[in-house]
Protein backbone atom coordinates (compact mmCIF):
# COMPACT_ATOMS: atom_id res chain seq x y z
CA MET A 1 -17.19 -12.63 -4.50
CA VAL A 2 -17.03 -8.84 -4.51
CA SER A 3 -16.95 -6.50 -1.52
CA VAL A 4 -17.86 -2.81 -1.43
CA VAL A 5 -17.19 -0.46 1.48
CA ILE A 6 -19.45 2.60 1.70
CA THR A 7 -18.04 5.69 3.41
CA GLY A 8 -19.00 9.34 3.90
CA ARG A 9 -20.01 11.90 6.48
CA GLY A 10 -22.95 11.67 8.85
CA GLY A 11 -26.35 12.06 7.22
CA ALA A 12 -25.04 11.55 3.68
CA GLY A 13 -27.10 8.38 3.28
CA LYS A 14 -24.50 5.61 3.63
CA THR A 15 -26.84 3.21 5.41
CA THR A 16 -29.74 3.92 3.05
CA MET A 17 -27.47 3.35 0.06
CA THR A 18 -26.12 0.11 1.54
CA ALA A 19 -29.64 -1.27 2.02
CA ASN A 20 -30.80 -0.22 -1.43
CA LEU A 21 -27.75 -1.35 -3.38
CA GLY A 22 -28.01 -4.69 -1.60
CA THR A 23 -31.63 -4.79 -2.76
CA TYR A 24 -30.66 -3.86 -6.31
CA PHE A 25 -28.11 -6.64 -6.63
CA SER A 26 -30.51 -9.17 -5.11
CA LYS A 27 -33.27 -8.20 -7.54
CA VAL A 28 -31.00 -8.60 -10.57
CA GLY A 29 -30.02 -12.10 -9.52
CA TYR A 30 -26.95 -11.90 -7.26
CA ARG A 31 -26.63 -13.37 -3.78
CA SER A 32 -26.38 -10.19 -1.75
CA LEU A 33 -25.22 -9.54 1.83
CA VAL A 34 -25.19 -6.21 3.67
CA ILE A 35 -23.16 -5.75 6.86
CA ASP A 36 -23.54 -3.06 9.51
CA GLY A 37 -19.99 -1.93 10.17
CA ASP A 38 -20.99 1.10 12.24
CA LEU A 39 -20.34 -0.52 15.59
CA TYR A 40 -21.34 2.42 17.77
CA LEU A 41 -24.39 3.73 15.89
CA PRO A 42 -25.76 0.73 13.94
CA LYS A 43 -28.93 1.45 11.94
CA LEU A 44 -28.78 -0.84 8.92
CA ALA A 45 -31.21 -3.41 10.38
CA PHE A 46 -33.95 -0.77 10.69
CA HIS A 47 -34.10 -0.52 6.89
CA PHE A 48 -35.28 -4.14 6.80
CA GLY A 49 -37.66 -3.97 9.75
CA ILE A 50 -35.24 -5.70 12.14
CA TYR A 51 -35.22 -3.85 15.46
CA THR A 52 -33.98 -6.23 18.15
CA PRO A 53 -31.78 -8.91 16.57
CA GLN A 54 -30.87 -11.47 19.19
CA TYR A 55 -27.64 -12.33 17.38
CA ASN A 56 -25.66 -9.68 15.54
CA ILE A 57 -22.20 -8.51 14.67
CA HIS A 58 -21.64 -7.41 18.26
CA THR A 59 -22.32 -10.89 19.62
CA LEU A 60 -19.92 -12.26 17.00
CA LEU A 61 -17.21 -9.80 18.06
CA LYS A 62 -17.60 -10.86 21.68
CA ASN A 63 -17.91 -14.57 21.02
CA PRO A 64 -15.18 -15.88 18.68
CA ASP A 65 -16.62 -19.41 18.87
CA MET A 66 -19.96 -18.39 17.36
CA ARG A 67 -20.49 -19.18 13.66
CA VAL A 68 -21.06 -16.02 11.61
CA VAL A 69 -23.99 -17.52 9.72
CA GLU A 70 -25.95 -17.70 12.99
CA ALA A 71 -26.17 -13.88 13.06
CA VAL A 72 -27.31 -13.46 9.44
CA TYR A 73 -30.98 -12.64 8.75
CA HIS A 74 -32.82 -13.08 5.45
CA ASP A 75 -35.31 -10.50 4.20
CA PRO A 76 -37.91 -12.38 2.10
CA ARG A 77 -39.24 -9.24 0.37
CA THR A 78 -35.92 -8.15 -1.10
CA GLY A 79 -33.95 -11.39 -1.01
CA VAL A 80 -31.13 -9.62 0.84
CA ASP A 81 -29.24 -11.20 3.73
CA ILE A 82 -28.36 -8.85 6.60
CA LEU A 83 -25.66 -9.01 9.25
CA PRO A 84 -27.03 -6.39 11.66
CA GLY A 85 -25.59 -4.58 14.64
CA SER A 86 -26.94 -4.22 18.15
CA SER A 87 -28.46 -0.97 19.36
CA LYS A 88 -28.01 -1.91 23.03
CA LEU A 89 -25.49 0.23 24.86
CA TYR A 90 -23.83 -2.60 26.80
CA ASP A 91 -23.14 -4.50 23.56
CA ILE A 92 -20.72 -1.85 22.26
CA ILE A 93 -18.43 -1.96 25.32
CA ASP A 94 -15.08 -3.76 25.09
CA LEU A 95 -15.30 -4.76 21.44
CA ASP A 96 -12.47 -6.43 19.57
CA GLN A 97 -12.70 -4.44 16.33
CA LYS A 98 -9.84 -6.36 14.75
CA ARG A 99 -12.10 -9.42 14.51
CA MET A 100 -14.30 -7.56 12.03
CA ARG A 101 -12.07 -8.67 9.15
CA ASP A 102 -12.27 -12.31 10.24
CA ILE A 103 -16.08 -12.10 10.33
CA VAL A 104 -16.30 -10.60 6.85
CA ARG A 105 -13.76 -13.07 5.45
CA GLU A 106 -15.74 -16.02 6.82
CA ILE A 107 -19.16 -14.98 5.48
CA GLN A 108 -18.45 -13.19 2.20
CA THR A 109 -17.51 -16.37 0.33
CA ARG A 110 -21.20 -17.34 0.36
CA TYR A 111 -22.22 -14.26 -1.65
CA ASN A 112 -21.67 -12.64 -5.03
CA VAL A 113 -21.79 -9.16 -3.50
CA THR A 114 -21.07 -8.01 0.06
CA ILE A 115 -21.67 -4.37 0.98
CA ILE A 116 -20.31 -2.95 4.24
CA ASP A 117 -21.83 0.16 5.82
CA SER A 118 -19.01 2.13 7.46
CA PRO A 119 -19.24 4.64 10.33
CA VAL A 120 -19.16 8.42 9.95
CA GLY A 121 -15.95 10.03 8.75
CA ILE A 122 -12.70 8.05 8.84
CA PRO A 123 -13.95 4.44 8.99
CA PHE A 124 -11.96 3.14 11.94
CA ASP A 125 -14.53 0.40 12.70
CA THR A 126 -14.25 -1.11 9.22
CA ILE A 127 -10.71 -0.20 8.19
CA SER A 128 -9.56 -3.80 8.61
CA THR A 129 -12.11 -4.90 5.97
CA PHE A 130 -10.54 -2.68 3.31
CA ARG A 131 -8.01 -5.45 2.71
CA LEU A 132 -10.89 -7.74 1.70
CA ALA A 133 -12.77 -5.23 -0.46
CA GLN A 134 -12.30 -4.30 -4.09
CA TYR A 135 -14.47 -1.18 -4.25
CA GLN A 136 -15.18 1.93 -2.18
CA LEU A 137 -18.19 4.19 -2.63
CA ILE A 138 -18.07 7.66 -1.09
CA LEU A 139 -21.47 9.22 -0.41
CA VAL A 140 -21.60 13.00 -0.82
CA GLU A 141 -24.69 14.95 0.22
CA ILE A 142 -24.48 18.13 -1.81
CA GLU A 143 -27.93 19.26 -0.62
CA ARG A 144 -26.22 20.31 2.61
CA CYS A 145 -23.15 21.70 0.87
CA PRO A 146 -23.38 25.09 -0.90
CA ILE A 147 -22.00 24.96 -4.43
CA HIS A 148 -19.37 27.65 -3.77
CA SER A 149 -17.90 25.66 -0.86
CA LEU A 150 -17.81 22.32 -2.65
CA GLU A 151 -14.07 22.46 -3.30
CA HIS A 152 -13.35 22.90 0.42
CA MET A 153 -15.72 20.05 1.28
CA VAL A 154 -13.99 17.81 -1.25
CA GLU A 155 -10.58 18.63 0.20
CA ASN A 156 -11.84 17.92 3.72
CA GLU A 157 -13.83 14.80 2.93
CA VAL A 158 -13.66 13.11 -0.45
CA ILE A 159 -9.91 13.37 -0.97
CA LYS A 160 -9.19 11.97 2.51
CA LEU A 161 -11.57 9.05 2.09
CA LYS A 162 -10.36 8.37 -1.45
CA SER A 163 -6.77 8.27 -0.22
CA ILE A 164 -7.72 5.41 2.12
CA GLY A 165 -9.23 3.46 -0.72
CA ASP A 166 -6.23 4.21 -2.92
CA THR A 167 -3.90 2.95 -0.19
CA TYR A 168 -5.67 -0.40 -0.19
CA GLY A 169 -5.86 -0.55 -3.98
CA LEU A 170 -9.65 -0.16 -4.17
CA LYS A 171 -11.55 1.19 -7.15
CA VAL A 172 -13.17 4.36 -5.76
CA GLY A 173 -16.37 6.04 -6.90
CA VAL A 174 -18.67 8.80 -5.65
CA VAL A 175 -22.45 8.91 -5.37
CA LEU A 176 -24.08 12.34 -5.09
CA ASN A 177 -27.08 11.92 -2.80
CA LYS A 178 -30.18 13.94 -1.79
CA VAL A 179 -29.62 16.26 -4.74
CA ARG A 180 -31.87 19.33 -5.09
CA GLU A 181 -29.64 21.52 -7.23
CA SER A 182 -30.25 22.37 -10.87
CA ALA A 183 -28.90 20.13 -13.63
CA GLU A 184 -26.34 22.81 -14.55
CA SER A 185 -24.98 22.96 -11.00
CA VAL A 186 -24.86 19.18 -10.74
CA ASN A 187 -22.96 18.96 -14.04
CA ASP A 188 -20.40 21.42 -12.65
CA ILE A 189 -20.00 19.27 -9.53
CA VAL A 190 -19.64 16.08 -11.57
CA ASP A 191 -17.03 17.71 -13.78
CA PHE A 192 -15.09 18.98 -10.77
CA LEU A 193 -15.04 15.54 -9.13
CA GLU A 194 -14.19 13.63 -12.30
CA TYR A 195 -11.62 16.02 -13.78
CA SER A 196 -10.04 17.82 -10.83
CA VAL A 197 -10.28 15.10 -8.17
CA GLU A 198 -10.13 12.26 -10.73
CA VAL A 199 -12.80 10.13 -9.08
CA PRO A 200 -15.75 8.84 -11.16
CA VAL A 201 -19.30 9.77 -10.21
CA VAL A 202 -21.21 6.49 -10.14
CA GLY A 203 -24.66 7.98 -9.56
CA VAL A 204 -26.72 11.10 -8.83
CA VAL A 205 -29.69 10.45 -6.54
CA PRO A 206 -32.32 13.18 -6.10
CA PHE A 207 -33.83 14.20 -2.79
CA ASP A 208 -36.97 12.09 -2.45
CA ASN A 209 -39.49 12.04 0.41
CA ARG A 210 -40.26 8.41 -0.39
CA VAL A 211 -36.85 7.43 1.05
CA PRO A 212 -37.50 8.34 4.72
CA GLU A 213 -41.07 7.11 4.28
CA ALA A 214 -39.74 3.71 3.22
CA THR A 215 -37.34 3.64 6.16
CA ASN A 216 -40.21 4.31 8.54
CA TYR A 217 -41.88 1.19 7.17
CA GLY A 218 -38.69 -0.84 7.53
CA ARG A 219 -38.16 -1.30 3.80
CA PRO A 220 -35.57 -0.11 1.26
CA VAL A 221 -37.10 2.43 -1.11
CA LEU A 222 -36.26 0.19 -4.10
CA ASP A 223 -38.72 -2.32 -2.67
CA TYR A 224 -41.21 0.14 -1.18
CA ALA A 225 -41.48 2.60 -4.09
CA PRO A 226 -39.60 1.15 -7.08
CA ARG A 227 -40.85 3.86 -9.47
CA SER A 228 -39.78 6.80 -7.32
CA GLY A 229 -37.06 9.15 -8.50
CA ALA A 230 -34.59 7.91 -5.89
CA SER A 231 -35.25 4.26 -6.77
CA LYS A 232 -34.63 4.85 -10.46
CA ALA A 233 -31.41 6.74 -9.75
CA ILE A 234 -30.13 4.08 -7.33
CA SER A 235 -30.88 1.41 -9.93
CA GLU A 236 -28.84 3.38 -12.46
CA ALA A 237 -25.94 3.56 -9.99
CA GLY A 238 -26.34 -0.17 -9.37
CA GLY A 239 -26.10 -0.77 -13.11
CA VAL A 240 -22.81 1.16 -13.25
CA LEU A 241 -21.45 -0.91 -10.36
CA ASP A 242 -22.67 -4.10 -12.02
CA GLU A 243 -20.62 -3.15 -15.09
CA TRP A 244 -17.60 -2.34 -12.92
CA MET A 245 -17.74 -5.59 -10.99
CA PHE A 246 -19.00 -8.14 -13.47
CA GLY A 247 -18.70 -6.45 -16.87
CA LYS A 248 -22.46 -6.53 -17.43
CA LYS A 249 -23.94 -3.54 -19.19
CA LYS A 250 -27.58 -2.61 -18.75
CA LYS A 251 -29.56 -2.50 -21.98
CA ARG A 252 -30.21 1.11 -22.97
CA ASN A 253 -32.37 2.49 -25.71
CA PRO A 254 -30.76 4.26 -28.73
CA LEU A 255 -31.72 7.76 -27.52
CA THR A 256 -29.98 7.17 -24.20
CA ARG A 257 -26.83 5.95 -25.93
CA LEU A 258 -26.87 8.99 -28.25
CA TYR A 259 -27.24 11.37 -25.31
CA GLU A 260 -24.35 9.72 -23.45
CA SER A 261 -22.14 9.89 -26.54
CA LEU A 262 -22.83 13.61 -26.99
CA LEU A 263 -22.24 14.26 -23.29
CA SER A 264 -18.94 12.37 -23.41
CA LEU A 265 -17.83 14.35 -26.48
CA PHE A 266 -18.74 17.63 -24.77
CA ARG A 267 -16.76 16.76 -21.65
CA ARG A 268 -13.66 15.84 -23.61
CA THR A 269 -13.47 19.41 -24.89
CA LYS A 270 -12.96 20.76 -21.37
CA ALA A 271 -9.62 21.27 -19.62
CA PRO A 272 -9.45 18.36 -17.18
CA SER A 273 -7.64 19.95 -14.23
CA LEU A 274 -8.58 23.61 -14.31
CA LYS A 275 -12.33 23.34 -13.78
CA LYS A 276 -13.50 25.73 -11.09
CA LEU A 277 -16.98 26.25 -9.69
């Protein structure tokens, strides 16, 4: 039983990553649940073609006597189970947010991996679930962040979100999403995050038009276009998380291992806390 909370700013791709990581873990053999924790702007269900769920996390929050499993939907294409939110305005009024932790505690014991999609910015809707989680992923969209202003963005965003995870004793990682920059620029960003901020970069996902296309069809891109650039990168990030959580390493060919060894040796020659962009 492992829980991951995904945080980040609006438009960074938190919901997309939640749906696709849930798909990744399902496809490699884990029982996988994704939960829409964005109570005021829920969108996770759309990624699985669920648009008007009769029962959802909002009905659970308003009805303490309802069994959580009654609001869980199974996606037969991906094998993922989904606890969606309601997009109806009247469903978000007078919510007892504190019950969110009770809902997650009740359902997560049925799964190997539970991934919670948090709201934009400071995750007030899901903060109670941090006590149940072991991992936090921070999504950073550098495509909308000029390289020269990255340090200010990190101070304003990543460090604040990481401090929440640190407070709850979570293992924190970053995923760079919708990346269009050159490899050299991305390497500088990775070095800055890993050496100056001291947070590991779990994955680097390129900007890929197949992602919104998949969403329009109500499918995670890993299922819709498994050979796309974004799908391959998300699978790599999933492999890193798999190793974190369960100690399972993906099999890599000798050339990949050699490249990673050389890259690791190169990085160790750099000053860890003085890297500037």
